[in-house]
Protein backbone atom coordinates (compact mmCIF):
# COMPACT_ATOMS: atom_id res chain seq x y z
CA MET A 1 214.38 162.00 81.73
CA ALA A 2 215.92 159.39 83.97
CA ASP A 3 217.81 160.14 87.15
CA THR A 4 220.42 157.41 87.31
CA ARG A 5 222.47 158.98 90.07
CA ALA A 6 221.54 156.10 92.41
CA LEU A 7 221.91 153.40 89.73
CA ARG A 8 224.04 150.47 90.84
CA LEU A 9 226.62 148.92 88.56
CA ASN A 10 224.63 145.67 88.26
CA GLU A 11 221.57 147.67 87.08
CA GLY A 12 223.37 149.39 84.21
CA ASP A 13 222.63 146.76 81.55
CA ALA A 14 218.89 146.78 82.29
CA PHE A 15 218.81 150.57 82.12
CA LEU A 16 220.71 150.59 78.82
CA GLU A 17 218.31 148.04 77.34
CA GLU A 18 215.31 150.18 78.31
CA ALA A 19 217.03 153.30 76.92
CA ARG A 20 217.66 151.49 73.62
CA ARG A 21 213.98 150.49 73.38
CA GLU A 22 212.97 154.12 73.92
CA ALA A 23 215.53 155.35 71.38
CA ASN A 24 214.25 152.85 68.81
CA ARG A 25 210.83 154.47 69.20
CA SER A 26 212.42 157.81 68.27
CA THR A 27 212.19 158.93 71.87
CA ARG A 28 214.99 161.03 73.29
CA VAL A 29 216.45 159.65 76.48
CA ILE A 30 218.17 162.08 78.83
CA PHE A 31 219.72 160.86 82.03
CA ALA A 32 221.78 162.28 84.84
CA THR A 33 224.49 160.31 86.58
CA ARG A 34 226.79 160.87 89.50
CA SER A 35 230.47 161.39 88.94
CA PRO A 36 232.36 158.26 87.88
CA SER A 37 234.34 158.64 91.10
CA CYS A 38 231.06 158.02 92.98
CA SER A 39 229.33 155.62 90.58
CA LEU A 40 231.07 153.09 88.36
CA ALA A 41 227.84 152.77 86.35
CA ALA A 42 228.33 156.32 85.03
CA VAL A 43 231.19 155.34 82.70
CA PRO A 44 229.43 152.66 80.59
CA LEU A 45 226.23 154.72 80.50
CA ALA A 46 228.06 157.79 79.22
CA GLN A 47 230.00 155.73 76.70
CA ALA A 48 226.81 154.12 75.38
CA ALA A 49 225.03 157.45 74.92
CA ASP A 50 224.91 159.24 71.56
CA CYS A 51 226.55 162.19 73.28
CA THR A 52 227.58 163.29 76.73
CA ILE A 53 227.46 166.70 78.41
CA LEU A 54 229.84 167.28 81.33
CA CYS A 55 228.25 169.18 84.22
CA VAL A 56 230.63 170.86 86.65
CA SER A 57 229.88 172.73 89.89
CA PRO A 58 232.43 175.55 90.28
CA GLY A 59 233.95 175.47 93.73
CA SER A 60 232.94 171.89 94.43
CA THR A 61 234.33 170.01 91.42
CA SER A 62 238.11 169.99 91.19
CA LEU A 63 239.97 170.35 87.92
CA ALA A 64 241.65 167.00 88.62
CA ALA A 65 238.24 165.30 89.03
CA THR A 66 236.98 166.91 85.83
CA ARG A 67 240.03 165.71 83.90
CA ALA A 68 239.71 162.20 85.37
CA THR A 69 236.05 162.02 84.31
CA ILE A 70 236.92 163.02 80.75
CA GLU A 71 239.76 160.47 80.69
CA HIS A 72 237.61 157.60 82.05
CA ILE A 73 234.72 158.20 79.64
CA GLY A 74 236.80 159.31 76.67
CA ARG A 75 237.12 162.81 75.24
CA THR A 76 235.35 161.88 71.99
CA HIS A 77 232.08 161.14 73.83
CA PHE A 78 231.68 164.72 75.08
CA ARG A 79 229.82 167.37 73.09
CA GLY A 80 230.12 170.17 75.62
CA SER A 81 229.94 171.18 79.24
CA LEU A 82 227.68 173.10 81.61
CA LEU A 83 228.46 174.96 84.78
CA VAL A 84 225.78 174.11 87.34
CA GLY A 85 225.15 175.35 90.85
CA PRO A 86 225.56 173.11 93.85
CA PRO A 87 222.51 171.10 94.97
CA ALA A 88 220.11 173.07 97.13
CA ALA A 89 220.25 172.38 100.84
CA PRO A 90 217.22 170.51 102.19
CA LYS A 91 214.56 172.78 103.62
CA ALA A 92 213.94 172.56 107.34
CA ARG A 93 210.54 171.17 108.28
CA PRO A 94 208.36 173.38 110.48
């Protein structure tokens, strides 16, 4: 599992190369990205994956943003979608 939500566009190729090495060893690679509207690296990563799952937060992800994501990545790359809750608020320190 790789959290690529903070991945910069210039780091995408290095990440993809590492993911390919892992995949060649029959290892499954799962990664999470930010929305393409927040991270340009999300589009080539999603397009390079064997499949993509769209995660949407009801109430915080607009229908227009969801449609734009599908259009930028390409409908054929998606295998399904998940409704996910919003990120938890940070806990206050005592």
